[in-house]
Amino acid sequence: MDNIIEARNISKIYTGHTALDDVSIEVPRGKVYGLLGPNGAGKTTLIRIINHITAPDRGEVIFDGHTLTADDIVNIGYLPEERGLYKKMKVGEQAIFFARLKGLSKADATKALKEWFERLEISQWWDKKVEELSKGMAQKVQFIVTVLHRPKLLIFDEPFSGFDPINANILKREMLKLRDEGATIIFSTHNMGSVEELCDNITLINRSHNILTGNVTELRHRYGAKDFELSYVGNPAELQNVLSPIAAEFELGGLDRDGNALAKVTLRDTSDLRNLISAANDTVALRGFRQLLPTMDDIFIRAVKESNSADSQLSNPENTSAE
């Protein structure tokens, strides 16, 4: 697959703190790539390295087939989490100022900005001072300035903070349009719903390490490989009894829209799927059967817990049971 960014074995150490420890990611061209992780995991440090704001202590970043240099920054648009506009300037004047810094002429900048202001429904704020803007309106202006020069790579750090659902959806729509027009997008967020809506691929960083990477759809199927929901007519106690040898968990649910009973089953092993269907069908009248796919929030929590548990056992080997 053609990658626009490859971060290879990146490590970054600050005084008394390892921000990144041998982290590698590959960002496919023309995709939306989610960079996830708890606060302090190392996401922002990696973003700053990719954006050539700081340098890694070890490792390298490959951009568009070559080692990243300062000359590549013109092809990267970066919207940091900590944003700032000059409060006393008029909105339109400031947007033109930033666009000129990106290499656009005043005429081209004004024309493109007017179009974007209309698309994001903030045209009426062109001649207002920045200090009159709400946080959400100011973020729209900064989003526009970030994407205006059509860079190959866009990096957004928590782009939806401060937005109500309507304006967040407007921003999501524009991000997907930019992707469809050829841009590659990296964005860091704590909003797992946005990850499911937008991301093609993700990397989850925890405690300075890459603990999970993959395609969003494939990850959901992988993490939900053992979870199933049955709808049936029959005795739930008998069903639970017959499935207990192969079920790690058995949970009774309510009723589906047709009045059939529901049960959630987590298999001990995926190879038991045939046995599950056969045993259930012999015990009750099986009306439906489906795999339960976890949300990205479920996967995030599970992966972080597993990573923290593994780290704890490595640092305290005497606590590891020999059962």
Protein backbone atom coordinates (compact mmCIF):
# COMPACT_ATOMS: atom_id res chain seq x y z
CA MET A 1 0.00 0.00 0.00
CA ASP A 2 1.22 3.52 -0.83
CA ASN A 3 2.01 5.38 2.39
CA ILE A 4 2.33 9.16 2.59
CA ILE A 5 3.90 9.00 6.07
CA GLU A 6 6.02 6.30 7.70
CA ALA A 7 7.32 6.92 11.21
CA ARG A 8 10.00 4.31 11.81
CA ASN A 9 11.13 3.30 15.31
CA ILE A 10 10.56 6.74 16.79
CA SER A 11 11.84 7.41 20.32
CA LYS A 12 11.73 10.70 22.18
CA ILE A 13 12.98 11.23 25.73
CA TYR A 14 12.52 14.38 27.76
CA THR A 15 14.13 14.94 31.15
CA GLY A 16 12.86 12.13 33.35
CA HIS A 17 10.18 11.08 30.87
CA THR A 18 10.04 8.79 27.84
CA ALA A 19 7.40 10.27 25.53
CA LEU A 20 7.80 7.67 22.75
CA ASP A 21 9.58 4.34 22.84
CA ASP A 22 10.28 2.70 19.46
CA VAL A 23 6.94 3.71 17.90
CA SER A 24 6.26 2.99 14.23
CA ILE A 25 3.21 3.85 12.14
CA GLU A 26 2.36 3.76 8.43
CA VAL A 27 -0.30 6.17 7.17
CA PRO A 28 -1.85 5.12 3.82
CA ARG A 29 -2.29 7.85 1.23
CA GLY A 30 -5.83 9.17 0.83
CA LYS A 31 -7.15 7.76 4.13
CA VAL A 32 -8.31 9.12 7.48
CA TYR A 33 -5.96 7.82 10.16
CA GLY A 34 -6.90 8.02 13.84
CA LEU A 35 -4.15 8.50 16.41
CA LEU A 36 -5.62 7.43 19.73
CA GLY A 37 -4.51 7.04 23.32
CA PRO A 38 -5.02 8.22 26.89
CA ASN A 39 -3.78 11.65 27.97
CA GLY A 40 0.00 11.67 28.18
CA ALA A 41 0.40 8.56 26.02
CA GLY A 42 2.66 10.28 23.48
CA LYS A 43 0.23 11.20 20.68
CA THR A 44 0.99 14.91 20.59
CA THR A 45 4.74 14.26 20.67
CA LEU A 46 4.42 12.00 17.63
CA ILE A 47 2.29 14.62 15.85
CA ARG A 48 4.90 17.30 16.56
CA ILE A 49 7.65 15.05 15.18
CA ILE A 50 5.66 14.30 12.02
CA ASN A 51 5.03 18.05 11.64
CA HIS A 52 8.79 18.76 11.99
CA ILE A 53 8.25 20.89 15.11
CA THR A 54 10.56 18.70 17.17
CA ALA A 55 13.02 15.98 16.23
CA PRO A 56 13.12 12.37 17.43
CA ASP A 57 16.04 11.13 19.48
CA ARG A 58 16.00 7.94 17.43
CA GLY A 59 14.18 6.84 14.30
CA GLU A 60 13.13 8.64 11.14
CA VAL A 61 10.04 9.99 9.39
CA ILE A 62 9.51 9.27 5.71
CA PHE A 63 7.22 11.73 3.92
CA ASP A 64 5.99 11.00 0.41
CA GLY A 65 8.85 8.59 -0.23
CA HIS A 66 11.76 10.58 1.24
CA THR A 67 13.14 11.61 4.62
CA LEU A 68 11.04 14.44 6.05
CA THR A 69 12.66 17.88 5.80
CA ALA A 70 11.63 21.44 6.63
CA ASP A 71 10.79 21.97 2.95
CA ASP A 72 7.95 19.45 3.27
CA ILE A 73 6.00 21.53 5.77
CA VAL A 74 4.29 23.47 2.96
CA ASN A 75 2.58 20.18 2.11
CA ILE A 76 1.32 19.66 5.68
CA GLY A 77 -1.59 21.46 7.33
CA TYR A 78 -1.56 21.30 11.13
CA LEU A 79 -4.36 22.28 13.51
CA PRO A 80 -2.99 21.89 17.05
CA GLU A 81 -5.16 21.31 20.11
CA GLU A 82 -3.90 24.54 21.65
CA ARG A 83 -5.10 27.15 19.19
CA GLY A 84 -4.66 30.88 19.01
CA LEU A 85 -5.85 33.82 16.93
CA TYR A 86 -5.06 37.51 17.27
CA LYS A 87 -8.13 38.71 19.15
CA LYS A 88 -8.05 42.35 18.03
CA MET A 89 -7.80 41.62 14.28
CA LYS A 90 -10.82 41.26 12.07
CA VAL A 91 -11.61 37.67 11.14
CA GLY A 92 -11.25 38.11 7.38
CA GLU A 93 -8.01 40.10 7.65
CA GLN A 94 -6.48 37.47 9.91
CA ALA A 95 -7.53 34.61 7.65
CA ILE A 96 -5.94 36.37 4.68
CA PHE A 97 -2.76 36.98 6.71
CA PHE A 98 -2.39 33.26 7.50
CA ALA A 99 -3.23 32.28 3.92
CA ARG A 100 -0.48 34.59 2.63
CA LEU A 101 1.96 32.84 4.96
CA LYS A 102 1.00 29.59 3.20
CA GLY A 103 2.00 31.09 -0.16
CA LEU A 104 -1.34 32.25 -1.57
CA SER A 105 -1.71 35.65 -3.22
CA LYS A 106 -4.12 38.09 -1.61
CA ALA A 107 -6.59 37.72 -4.46
CA ASP A 108 -6.49 33.91 -4.44
CA ALA A 109 -6.67 33.82 -0.65
CA THR A 110 -9.66 36.15 -0.52
CA LYS A 111 -11.57 34.18 -3.16
CA ALA A 112 -10.88 30.79 -1.54
CA LEU A 113 -11.60 32.08 1.96
CA LYS A 114 -14.95 33.56 0.94
CA GLU A 115 -15.96 30.17 -0.49
CA TRP A 116 -14.90 28.34 2.68
CA PHE A 117 -16.61 30.85 4.97
CA GLU A 118 -19.83 30.26 3.07
CA ARG A 119 -19.43 26.47 3.23
CA LEU A 120 -18.93 26.56 6.99
CA GLU A 121 -21.72 29.11 7.48
CA ILE A 122 -19.60 31.91 8.99
CA SER A 123 -19.70 34.51 6.20
CA GLN A 124 -21.39 37.02 8.50
CA TRP A 125 -18.29 37.05 10.73
CA TRP A 126 -15.85 38.24 8.05
CA ASP A 127 -15.68 41.84 9.33
CA LYS A 128 -16.07 40.99 13.03
CA LYS A 129 -13.17 41.00 15.45
CA VAL A 130 -11.85 37.62 16.56
CA GLU A 131 -12.66 38.42 20.18
CA GLU A 132 -16.35 38.46 19.22
CA LEU A 133 -16.27 34.85 18.05
CA SER A 134 -17.43 31.91 20.10
CA LYS A 135 -14.90 29.11 20.62
CA GLY A 136 -16.60 27.01 17.93
CA MET A 137 -16.62 29.86 15.41
CA ALA A 138 -12.92 30.55 16.06
CA GLN A 139 -12.15 26.86 15.50
CA LYS A 140 -13.95 26.97 12.17
CA VAL A 141 -11.72 29.87 11.10
CA GLN A 142 -8.60 27.96 12.12
CA PHE A 143 -9.82 24.83 10.35
CA ILE A 144 -10.27 26.84 7.16
CA VAL A 145 -6.79 28.37 7.41
CA THR A 146 -5.32 24.89 7.97
CA VAL A 147 -6.87 23.33 4.85
CA LEU A 148 -6.97 26.36 2.54
CA HIS A 149 -3.73 25.68 0.64
CA ARG A 150 -4.80 22.06 -0.05
CA PRO A 151 -1.82 20.30 1.55
CA LYS A 152 -1.20 16.61 0.87
CA LEU A 153 -1.33 15.80 4.61
CA LEU A 154 -3.67 17.30 7.19
CA ILE A 155 -3.10 16.82 10.92
CA PHE A 156 -5.88 17.67 13.37
CA ASP A 157 -5.40 17.41 17.14
CA GLU A 158 -8.81 17.14 18.88
CA PRO A 159 -10.61 18.96 16.04
CA PHE A 160 -14.12 18.57 17.52
CA SER A 161 -13.53 20.00 21.00
CA GLY A 162 -15.84 22.93 21.63
CA PHE A 163 -18.27 22.03 18.85
CA ASP A 164 -21.94 21.24 19.30
CA PRO A 165 -23.19 18.14 17.40
CA ILE A 166 -24.45 20.13 14.41
CA ASN A 167 -21.16 21.95 13.82
CA ALA A 168 -19.13 18.81 14.57
CA ASN A 169 -21.05 17.07 11.79
CA ILE A 170 -20.32 19.97 9.42
CA LEU A 171 -16.61 19.56 10.16
CA LYS A 172 -16.77 15.79 9.71
CA ARG A 173 -18.47 16.26 6.34
CA GLU A 174 -15.71 18.58 5.19
CA MET A 175 -12.99 16.21 6.40
CA LEU A 176 -14.47 13.37 4.38
CA LYS A 177 -14.72 15.64 1.32
CA LEU A 178 -11.05 16.52 1.67
CA ARG A 179 -10.19 12.82 1.90
CA ASP A 180 -12.27 12.05 -1.18
CA GLU A 181 -10.46 14.85 -3.04
CA GLY A 182 -7.11 13.19 -2.30
CA ALA A 183 -5.94 14.53 1.05
CA THR A 184 -4.59 12.25 3.77
CA ILE A 185 -5.78 13.06 7.28
CA ILE A 186 -4.29 12.20 10.66
CA PHE A 187 -6.40 13.17 13.61
CA SER A 188 -6.09 12.67 17.31
CA THR A 189 -9.27 12.46 19.34
CA HIS A 190 -10.88 11.06 22.48
CA ASN A 191 -14.23 10.82 20.69
CA MET A 192 -14.50 7.16 19.73
CA GLY A 193 -17.79 7.78 17.91
CA SER A 194 -15.90 10.04 15.53
CA VAL A 195 -13.32 7.32 14.99
CA GLU A 196 -16.01 4.89 13.83
CA GLU A 197 -17.55 7.51 11.56
CA LEU A 198 -14.37 8.82 9.97
CA CYS A 199 -11.33 6.58 10.33
CA ASP A 200 -10.13 3.99 7.88
CA ASN A 201 -7.19 2.99 10.08
CA ILE A 202 -6.03 3.70 13.63
CA THR A 203 -3.04 3.43 15.93
CA LEU A 204 -3.50 3.29 19.68
CA ILE A 205 -0.57 4.56 21.75
CA ASN A 206 -0.36 3.80 25.47
CA ARG A 207 2.50 4.58 27.83
CA SER A 208 4.75 5.64 24.93
CA HIS A 209 4.21 2.42 22.95
CA ASN A 210 2.15 1.49 19.91
CA ILE A 211 -0.14 -1.19 21.33
CA LEU A 212 -2.69 -1.55 18.51
CA THR A 213 -2.69 -0.75 14.79
CA GLY A 214 -5.06 -1.72 12.04
CA ASN A 215 -8.08 -1.17 9.85
CA VAL A 216 -11.10 -0.10 11.92
CA THR A 217 -13.50 -2.67 10.43
CA GLU A 218 -10.98 -5.50 10.77
CA LEU A 219 -10.21 -4.56 14.38
CA ARG A 220 -13.90 -4.56 15.31
CA HIS A 221 -14.31 -8.05 13.84
CA ARG A 222 -11.14 -9.28 15.54
CA TYR A 223 -12.14 -8.01 18.98
CA GLY A 224 -15.70 -9.26 18.55
CA ALA A 225 -14.73 -12.69 17.22
CA LYS A 226 -16.02 -14.50 20.31
CA ASP A 227 -19.17 -12.47 21.06
CA PHE A 228 -22.57 -13.47 19.72
CA GLU A 229 -26.23 -12.75 20.30
CA LEU A 230 -28.90 -15.45 20.07
CA SER A 231 -32.64 -14.89 19.75
CA TYR A 232 -34.70 -17.95 20.63
CA VAL A 233 -37.86 -19.45 22.05
CA GLY A 234 -37.33 -21.84 24.93
CA ASN A 235 -36.02 -22.28 28.46
CA PRO A 236 -33.10 -19.87 29.18
CA ALA A 237 -31.80 -22.01 32.07
CA GLU A 238 -31.57 -25.06 29.81
CA LEU A 239 -29.82 -23.00 27.15
CA GLN A 240 -27.29 -21.68 29.63
CA ASN A 241 -26.68 -25.16 31.02
CA VAL A 242 -25.99 -26.71 27.62
CA LEU A 243 -23.72 -23.84 26.52
CA SER A 244 -21.71 -23.60 29.74
CA PRO A 245 -18.91 -25.95 28.56
CA ILE A 246 -18.07 -23.64 25.62
CA ALA A 247 -19.21 -20.25 26.90
CA ALA A 248 -16.82 -18.06 28.86
CA GLU A 249 -19.78 -15.76 29.55
CA PHE A 250 -23.54 -16.15 29.22
CA GLU A 251 -25.82 -13.16 29.73
CA LEU A 252 -29.59 -13.12 29.43
CA GLY A 253 -31.05 -10.15 27.56
CA GLY A 254 -34.55 -8.87 27.02
CA LEU A 255 -36.77 -9.54 24.03
CA ASP A 256 -36.36 -8.64 20.39
CA ARG A 257 -39.08 -6.88 18.41
CA ASP A 258 -40.75 -10.20 17.62
CA GLY A 259 -40.91 -11.23 21.28
CA ASN A 260 -38.08 -13.76 21.10
CA ALA A 261 -35.76 -14.08 24.11
CA LEU A 262 -32.19 -12.78 23.74
CA ALA A 263 -28.90 -14.05 25.14
CA LYS A 264 -25.33 -12.85 24.75
CA VAL A 265 -22.66 -15.53 24.61
CA THR A 266 -18.89 -15.14 24.69
CA LEU A 267 -17.10 -18.26 23.48
CA ARG A 268 -14.05 -19.69 25.18
CA ASP A 269 -12.57 -20.32 21.74
CA THR A 270 -13.68 -19.29 18.26
CA SER A 271 -13.42 -22.92 17.13
CA ASP A 272 -16.48 -23.62 19.33
CA LEU A 273 -18.80 -21.66 17.03
CA ARG A 274 -20.21 -24.73 15.29
CA ASN A 275 -20.80 -26.39 18.66
CA LEU A 276 -22.56 -23.25 19.90
CA ILE A 277 -25.03 -23.20 17.01
CA SER A 278 -25.61 -26.96 17.16
CA ALA A 279 -26.12 -27.09 20.94
CA ALA A 280 -28.42 -24.07 20.95
CA ASN A 281 -30.49 -25.41 18.07
CA ASP A 282 -30.93 -28.77 19.83
CA THR A 283 -32.06 -27.11 23.08
CA VAL A 284 -34.27 -24.19 22.04
CA ALA A 285 -35.97 -22.93 18.89
CA LEU A 286 -33.21 -20.70 17.50
CA ARG A 287 -34.71 -17.69 15.72
CA GLY A 288 -31.65 -15.57 15.08
CA PHE A 289 -27.89 -15.44 15.45
CA ARG A 290 -25.40 -12.61 14.92
CA GLN A 291 -21.90 -11.57 15.83
CA LEU A 292 -21.71 -8.64 18.26
CA LEU A 293 -19.15 -6.14 17.04
CA PRO A 294 -17.57 -3.99 19.76
CA THR A 295 -17.48 -0.21 19.52
CA MET A 296 -14.14 1.55 19.21
CA ASP A 297 -14.69 2.72 22.77
CA ASP A 298 -14.89 -0.95 23.88
CA ILE A 299 -11.71 -1.78 21.96
CA PHE A 300 -9.88 1.27 23.32
CA ILE A 301 -10.69 0.36 26.94
CA ARG A 302 -9.89 -3.33 26.49
CA ALA A 303 -6.58 -2.73 24.68
CA VAL A 304 -5.39 -0.18 27.24
CA LYS A 305 -6.32 -2.47 30.16
CA GLU A 306 -4.50 -5.41 28.54
CA SER A 307 -1.44 -3.24 27.88
CA ASN A 308 -1.38 -1.87 31.42
CA SER A 309 -1.77 -5.37 32.84
CA ALA A 310 1.10 -6.68 30.72
CA ASP A 311 3.31 -3.74 31.77
CA SER A 312 2.46 -4.38 35.42
CA GLN A 313 3.44 -8.05 35.16
CA LEU A 314 6.72 -7.19 33.44
CA SER A 315 7.63 -4.67 36.13
CA ASN A 316 6.51 -7.01 38.94
CA PRO A 317 7.34 -10.54 37.75
CA GLU A 318 6.98 -11.93 41.29
CA ASN A 319 3.24 -11.13 41.06
CA THR A 320 2.77 -13.37 38.03
CA SER A 321 0.93 -16.55 38.93
CA ALA A 322 2.26 -19.91 37.77
CA GLU A 323 -1.16 -21.51 37.59
